[in-house]
C-alpha atoms as a PDB file:
ATOM      1  CA  THR A   1     -12.631  76.189 -25.110  1.00  0.00           C
ATOM      2  CA  MET A   2      -9.538  76.289 -27.344  1.00  0.00           C
ATOM      3  CA  GLY A   3     -11.696  75.429 -30.383  1.00  0.00           C
ATOM      4  CA  SER A   4     -14.090  78.300 -29.615  1.00  0.00           C
ATOM      5  CA  LEU A   5     -11.190  80.711 -29.139  1.00  0.00           C
ATOM      6  CA  SER A   6      -9.749  79.541 -32.450  1.00  0.00           C
ATOM      7  CA  VAL A   7     -13.028  80.218 -34.277  1.00  0.00           C
ATOM      8  CA  PHE A   8     -13.305  83.730 -32.821  1.00  0.00           C
ATOM      9  CA  ALA A   9      -9.649  84.471 -33.548  1.00  0.00           C
ATOM     10  CA  GLN A  10      -9.986  83.314 -37.156  1.00  0.00           C
ATOM     11  CA  ALA A  11     -13.174  85.330 -37.677  1.00  0.00           C
ATOM     12  CA  GLY A  12     -11.474  88.378 -36.188  1.00  0.00           C
ATOM     13  CA  TYR A  13      -8.320  88.249 -38.243  1.00  0.00           C
ATOM     14  CA  LEU A  14     -10.122  87.451 -41.491  1.00  0.00           C
ATOM     15  CA  THR A  15     -12.410  90.438 -40.938  1.00  0.00           C
ATOM     16  CA  LEU A  16      -9.380  92.620 -40.205  1.00  0.00           C
ATOM     17  CA  VAL A  17      -7.647  91.331 -43.349  1.00  0.00           C
ATOM     18  CA  GLN A  18     -10.679  92.228 -45.447  1.00  0.00           C
ATOM     19  CA  LYS A  19     -10.964  95.671 -43.820  1.00  0.00           C
ATOM     20  CA  SER A  20      -7.242  96.350 -44.141  1.00  0.00           C
ATOM     21  CA  SER A  21      -7.184  95.438 -47.822  1.00  0.00           C
ATOM     22  CA  GLU A  22     -10.270  97.524 -48.608  1.00  0.00           C
ATOM     23  CA  GLN A  23      -9.585 100.642 -46.551  1.00  0.00           C
ATOM     24  CA  ASN A  24      -5.813 100.801 -46.129  1.00  0.00           C
ATOM     25  CA  HIS A  25      -4.991  99.238 -49.519  1.00  0.00           C
ATOM     26  CA  LYS A  26      -2.336  96.955 -48.023  1.00  0.00           C
ATOM     27  CA  SER A  27      -0.893  94.125 -50.060  1.00  0.00           C
ATOM     28  CA  ILE A  28      -1.283  90.482 -49.054  1.00  0.00           C
ATOM     29  CA  VAL A  29       2.397  90.239 -48.109  1.00  0.00           C
ATOM     30  CA  GLU A  30       2.131  93.315 -45.859  1.00  0.00           C
ATOM     31  CA  MET A  31      -0.898  91.820 -44.117  1.00  0.00           C
ATOM     32  CA  LEU A  32       0.915  88.500 -43.650  1.00  0.00           C
ATOM     33  CA  HIS A  33       3.854  90.365 -42.160  1.00  0.00           C
ATOM     34  CA  VAL A  34       1.650  92.278 -39.706  1.00  0.00           C
ATOM     35  CA  ASN A  35      -0.230  89.100 -38.798  1.00  0.00           C
ATOM     36  CA  ALA A  36       3.027  87.274 -38.076  1.00  0.00           C
ATOM     37  CA  TYR A  37       4.227  90.017 -35.727  1.00  0.00           C
ATOM     38  CA  ASN A  38       0.850  90.302 -34.004  1.00  0.00           C
ATOM     39  CA  THR A  39       0.578  86.581 -33.296  1.00  0.00           C
ATOM     40  CA  LEU A  40       4.217  85.989 -32.326  1.00  0.00           C
ATOM     41  CA  PRO A  41       3.917  87.142 -28.657  1.00  0.00           C
ATOM     42  CA  ILE A  42       0.860  84.946 -28.094  1.00  0.00           C
ATOM     43  CA  PHE A  43       2.587  81.986 -29.755  1.00  0.00           C
ATOM     44  CA  ILE A  44       5.731  82.373 -27.650  1.00  0.00           C
ATOM     45  CA  THR A  45       3.733  82.775 -24.415  1.00  0.00           C
ATOM     46  CA  VAL A  46       1.602  79.676 -24.998  1.00  0.00           C
ATOM     47  CA  SER A  47       4.672  77.683 -26.079  1.00  0.00           C
ATOM     48  CA  MET A  48       6.473  78.605 -22.861  1.00  0.00           C
ATOM     49  CA  ILE A  49       3.446  77.745 -20.709  1.00  0.00           C
ATOM     50  CA  LEU A  50       3.106  74.328 -22.371  1.00  0.00           C
ATOM     51  CA  GLY A  51       6.858  73.667 -22.139  1.00  0.00           C
ATOM     52  CA  GLU A  52       7.365  73.053 -25.824  1.00  0.00           C
ATOM     53  CA  PRO A  53      10.916  74.505 -26.063  1.00  0.00           C
ATOM     54  CA  ALA A  54      12.165  71.854 -23.606  1.00  0.00           C
ATOM     55  CA  ASN A  55      10.535  69.118 -25.683  1.00  0.00           C
ATOM     56  CA  ILE A  56      12.136  70.474 -28.851  1.00  0.00           C
ATOM     57  CA  SER A  57      15.615  70.585 -27.340  1.00  0.00           C
ATOM     58  CA  SER A  58      15.348  66.988 -26.135  1.00  0.00           C
ATOM     59  CA  SER A  59      14.190  65.837 -29.573  1.00  0.00           C
ATOM     60  CA  LEU A  60      16.984  67.525 -31.528  1.00  0.00           C
ATOM     61  CA  ASP A  61      19.340  64.638 -30.797  1.00  0.00           C
ATOM     62  CA  SER A  62      17.288  62.141 -32.790  1.00  0.00           C
ATOM     63  CA  LEU A  63      16.643  64.148 -35.970  1.00  0.00           C
ATOM     64  CA  ASP A  64      16.026  62.036 -39.045  1.00  0.00           C
ATOM     65  CA  ALA A  65      16.568  63.307 -42.597  1.00  0.00           C
ATOM     66  CA  SER A  66      13.052  62.255 -43.615  1.00  0.00           C
ATOM     67  CA  PHE A  67      11.619  64.215 -40.667  1.00  0.00           C
ATOM     68  CA  VAL A  68      13.427  67.371 -41.784  1.00  0.00           C
ATOM     69  CA  MET A  69      12.101  66.932 -45.328  1.00  0.00           C
ATOM     70  CA  VAL A  70       8.510  66.470 -44.130  1.00  0.00           C
ATOM     71  CA  PHE A  71       8.896  69.389 -41.698  1.00  0.00           C
ATOM     72  CA  VAL A  72      10.065  71.741 -44.470  1.00  0.00           C
ATOM     73  CA  LEU A  73       7.224  70.516 -46.715  1.00  0.00           C
ATOM     74  CA  LEU A  74       4.702  71.250 -43.940  1.00  0.00           C
ATOM     75  CA  ILE A  75       6.108  74.744 -43.437  1.00  0.00           C
ATOM     76  CA  LEU A  76       5.895  75.506 -47.165  1.00  0.00           C
ATOM     77  CA  SER A  77       2.345  74.175 -47.456  1.00  0.00           C
ATOM     78  CA  GLY A  78       1.345  76.197 -44.373  1.00  0.00           C
ATOM     79  CA  CYS A  79       2.772  79.357 -45.964  1.00  0.00           C
ATOM     80  CA  ILE A  80       0.856  78.690 -49.181  1.00  0.00           C
ATOM     81  CA  LEU A  81      -2.357  77.994 -47.252  1.00  0.00           C
ATOM     82  CA  THR A  82      -2.045  81.180 -45.195  1.00  0.00           C
ATOM     83  CA  TYR A  83      -1.251  83.274 -48.272  1.00  0.00           C
ATOM     84  CA  SER A  84      -4.246  81.843 -50.138  1.00  0.00           C
ATOM     85  CA  GLN A  85      -6.519  82.476 -47.127  1.00  0.00           C
ATOM     86  CA  PHE A  86      -5.447  86.100 -46.921  1.00  0.00           C
ATOM     87  CA  LEU A  87      -5.766  86.480 -50.694  1.00  0.00           C
ATOM     88  CA  CYS A  88      -9.287  85.054 -50.602  1.00  0.00           C
ATOM     89  CA  ALA A  89     -10.276  87.348 -47.716  1.00  0.00           C
ATOM     90  CA  ALA A  90      -8.871  90.386 -49.539  1.00  0.00           C
ATOM     91  CA  VAL A  91     -10.366  89.600 -52.951  1.00  0.00           C
ATOM     92  CA  CYS A  92     -13.711  88.104 -51.892  1.00  0.00           C
ATOM     93  CA  SER A  93     -14.713  88.586 -48.253  1.00  0.00           C
ATOM     94  CA  ALA A  94     -14.097  87.162 -44.806  1.00  0.00           C
ATOM     95  CA  LEU A  95     -17.429  85.325 -44.976  1.00  0.00           C
ATOM     96  CA  THR A  96     -16.538  83.695 -48.296  1.00  0.00           C
ATOM     97  CA  THR A  97     -13.199  82.595 -46.844  1.00  0.00           C
ATOM     98  CA  SER A  98     -15.008  81.075 -43.857  1.00  0.00           C
ATOM     99  CA  MET A  99     -17.407  79.269 -46.183  1.00  0.00           C
ATOM    100  CA  ILE A 100     -14.451  77.806 -48.070  1.00  0.00           C
ATOM    101  CA  GLY A 101     -13.075  76.615 -44.729  1.00  0.00           C
ATOM    102  CA  VAL A 102     -16.413  74.940 -43.956  1.00  0.00           C
ATOM    103  CA  ALA A 103     -16.404  73.249 -47.365  1.00  0.00           C
ATOM    104  CA  LYS A 104     -12.878  71.984 -46.668  1.00  0.00           C
ATOM    105  CA  SER A 105     -14.024  70.587 -43.316  1.00  0.00           C
ATOM    106  CA  VAL A 106     -16.969  68.824 -44.962  1.00  0.00           C
ATOM    107  CA  ILE A 107     -14.627  67.165 -47.462  1.00  0.00           C
ATOM    108  CA  GLN A 108     -12.247  66.153 -44.665  1.00  0.00           C
ATOM    109  CA  THR A 109     -15.081  64.649 -42.636  1.00  0.00           C
ATOM    110  CA  ILE A 110     -16.458  62.714 -45.604  1.00  0.00           C
ATOM    111  CA  LEU A 111     -12.976  61.374 -46.368  1.00  0.00           C
ATOM    112  CA  GLY A 112     -12.616  60.545 -42.679  1.00  0.00           C
ATOM    113  CA  PHE A 113     -15.630  58.252 -42.893  1.00  0.00           C
ATOM    114  CA  PHE A 114     -13.883  56.059 -45.449  1.00  0.00           C
ATOM    115  CA  THR A 115     -10.168  56.397 -44.682  1.00  0.00           C
ATOM    116  CA  PHE A 116      -8.024  55.834 -41.605  1.00  0.00           C
ATOM    117  CA  GLY A 117     -11.041  55.347 -39.315  1.00  0.00           C
ATOM    118  CA  GLY A 118     -10.785  58.955 -38.124  1.00  0.00           C
ATOM    119  CA  VAL A 119     -14.496  59.842 -38.147  1.00  0.00           C
ATOM    120  CA  LYS A 120     -17.039  57.430 -36.730  1.00  0.00           C
ATOM    121  CA  PHE A 121     -20.424  57.143 -38.395  1.00  0.00           C
ATOM    122  CA  HIS A 122     -23.072  58.801 -36.220  1.00  0.00           C
ATOM    123  CA  PRO A 123     -26.392  60.441 -37.139  1.00  0.00           C
ATOM    124  CA  LEU A 124     -25.260  63.772 -35.638  1.00  0.00           C
ATOM    125  CA  ASN A 125     -22.251  63.786 -37.971  1.00  0.00           C
ATOM    126  CA  ILE A 126     -24.521  63.230 -40.955  1.00  0.00           C
ATOM    127  CA  ILE A 127     -26.923  65.983 -39.822  1.00  0.00           C
ATOM    128  CA  GLY A 128     -23.984  68.377 -39.387  1.00  0.00           C
ATOM    129  CA  LEU A 129     -22.630  67.553 -42.832  1.00  0.00           C
ATOM    130  CA  VAL A 130     -26.034  68.054 -44.459  1.00  0.00           C
ATOM    131  CA  MET A 131     -26.466  71.389 -42.659  1.00  0.00           C
ATOM    132  CA  ASN A 132     -23.008  72.528 -43.793  1.00  0.00           C
ATOM    133  CA  ILE A 133     -23.655  71.505 -47.384  1.00  0.00           C
ATOM    134  CA  PHE A 134     -27.063  73.219 -47.513  1.00  0.00           C
ATOM    135  CA  GLY A 135     -25.591  76.335 -45.886  1.00  0.00           C
ATOM    136  CA  GLY A 136     -22.895  76.453 -48.568  1.00  0.00           C
ATOM    137  CA  ILE A 137     -25.446  75.958 -51.337  1.00  0.00           C
ATOM    138  CA  ILE A 138     -27.716  78.703 -49.986  1.00  0.00           C
ATOM    139  CA  TYR A 139     -24.760  81.091 -49.546  1.00  0.00           C
ATOM    140  CA  THR A 140     -23.557  80.418 -53.093  1.00  0.00           C
ATOM    141  CA  TYR A 141     -27.046  80.924 -54.510  1.00  0.00           C
ATOM    142  CA  ILE A 142     -27.516  84.240 -52.680  1.00  0.00           C
ATOM    143  CA  LYS A 143     -24.085  85.474 -53.806  1.00  0.00           C
ATOM    144  CA  HIS A 144     -24.949  84.517 -57.402  1.00  0.00           C
ATOM    145  CA  ILE A 145     -28.254  86.420 -57.226  1.00  0.00           C
ATOM    146  CA  GLU A 146     -26.502  89.492 -55.753  1.00  0.00           C
ATOM    147  CA  LYS A 147     -23.837  89.375 -58.456  1.00  0.00           C
ATOM    148  CA  SER A 148     -26.474  89.073 -61.196  1.00  0.00           C
ATOM    149  CA  LYS A 149     -28.384  92.071 -59.813  1.00  0.00           C
ATOM    150  CA  HIS A 150     -25.175  94.099 -59.549  1.00  0.00           C
ATOM    151  CA  GLN A 151     -24.164  93.267 -63.115  1.00  0.00           C
ATOM    152  CA  SER A 152     -27.566  94.148 -64.532  1.00  0.00           C
ATOM    153  CA  GLY A 153     -27.542  97.418 -62.559  1.00  0.00           C
ATOM    154  CA  THR A 154     -24.066  98.220 -63.883  1.00  0.00           C
ATOM    155  CA  ARG A 155     -25.158  97.544 -67.463  1.00  0.00           C
ATOM    156  CA  ARG A 156     -28.212  99.745 -67.014  1.00  0.00           C
ATOM    157  CA  LYS A 157     -26.099 102.603 -65.591  1.00  0.00           C
ATOM    158  CA  SER A 158     -23.585 102.166 -68.404  1.00  0.00           C
ATOM    159  CA  LEU A 159     -26.286 102.483 -71.020  1.00  0.00           C
ATOM    160  CA  GLU A 160     -27.731 105.538 -69.258  1.00  0.00           C
ATOM    161  CA  HIS A 161     -24.314 107.236 -69.332  1.00  0.00           C
ATOM    162  CA  GLY A 162     -23.678 106.240 -72.935  1.00  0.00           C
ATOM    163  CA  ILE A 163     -20.979 103.677 -72.182  1.00  0.00           C
ATOM    164  CA  THR A 164     -21.250 100.737 -74.519  1.00  0.00           C
ATOM    165  CA  ASN A 165     -17.783  99.254 -74.201  1.00  0.00           C
ATOM    166  CA  HIS A 166     -17.351  96.812 -71.293  1.00  0.00           C
ATOM    167  CA  ALA A 167     -13.703  97.830 -70.719  1.00  0.00           C
ATOM    168  CA  GLU A 168     -14.761 101.488 -70.516  1.00  0.00           C
ATOM    169  CA  SER A 169     -17.473 100.499 -68.009  1.00  0.00           C
ATOM    170  CA  VAL A 170     -14.934  98.665 -65.844  1.00  0.00           C
ATOM    171  CA  THR A 171     -12.612 101.684 -65.931  1.00  0.00           C
ATOM    172  CA  VAL A 172     -15.441 104.013 -64.846  1.00  0.00           C
ATOM    173  CA  ASN A 173     -16.416 101.642 -62.012  1.00  0.00           C
ATOM    174  CA  LYS A 174     -12.801 101.422 -60.787  1.00  0.00           C
ATOM    175  CA  ARG A 175     -12.459 105.206 -60.910  1.00  0.00           C
ATOM    176  CA  ASN A 176     -15.697 105.631 -58.947  1.00  0.00           C
ATOM    177  CA  SER A 177     -14.541 103.021 -56.424  1.00  0.00           C
ATOM    178  CA  ARG A 178     -11.206 104.818 -55.928  1.00  0.00           C
ATOM    179  CA  GLN A 179     -12.974 108.166 -55.530  1.00  0.00           C
ATOM    180  CA  LEU A 180     -15.319 106.656 -52.928  1.00  0.00           C
ATOM    181  CA  SER A 181     -12.352 105.148 -51.047  1.00  0.00           C
ATOM    182  CA  LEU A 182     -10.578 108.518 -51.085  1.00  0.00           C
ATOM    183  CA  ILE A 183     -13.692 110.304 -49.825  1.00  0.00           C
ATOM    184  CA  ASN A 184     -14.092 107.734 -47.024  1.00  0.00           C
ATOM    185  CA  TYR A 185     -10.416 108.124 -46.112  1.00  0.00           C
ATOM    186  CA  GLU A 186     -10.741 111.918 -46.011  1.00  0.00           C
ATOM    187  CA  ASP A 187     -13.846 111.618 -43.803  1.00  0.00           C
ATOM    188  CA  GLU A 188     -11.989 109.309 -41.423  1.00  0.00           C
ATOM    189  CA  GLU A 189      -9.042 111.718 -41.234  1.00  0.00           C
ATOM    190  CA  ARG A 190     -11.380 114.658 -40.560  1.00  0.00           C
ATOM    191  CA  ASN A 191     -13.201 112.782 -37.759  1.00  0.00           C
ATOM    192  CA  ARG A 192     -10.058 111.414 -36.134  1.00  0.00           C
ATOM    193  CA  THR A 193      -9.695 112.692 -32.559  1.00  0.00           C
ATOM    194  CA  VAL A 194      -6.119 111.657 -31.858  1.00  0.00           C
END
């Protein structure tokens, strides 16, 4: 059940990160800050229920310098991972970020077959890996096709409007995107009931 809750929580917060970056124009650091404050009460509650603070206080007596170094390294790598996840969700999409997570899991499972004896060879594992790989390939192919169609449509519109310079085309697209965001924001403000 905890694994299922984790999947739903990750899907929820990645979708909110994407929405927040697109509609509210928040920076990655602002979204990380909000995420940290939103998850802190849940983290503290679960930690108290599981009795982790008592375990920490009993372990403080036997701190080793190498443990502290590894602990700080883990914290830094976790910060970098979280920042890169939020950046990916803001720049690409929540679905793309999830697909990257699946690709990471596939690589971990394949490495687990050959190192440390962590993953046992079983036909269901192989079927799951093949399904994940084909899903990633299909998703990448569809995204490539959509991007190609969008680029050809943009070129066609640029030629229709007399824009021949690519930089000028990008500027026009950004301006149109900002105008659309502003219109959507004004519509939301007008329809707000609170």
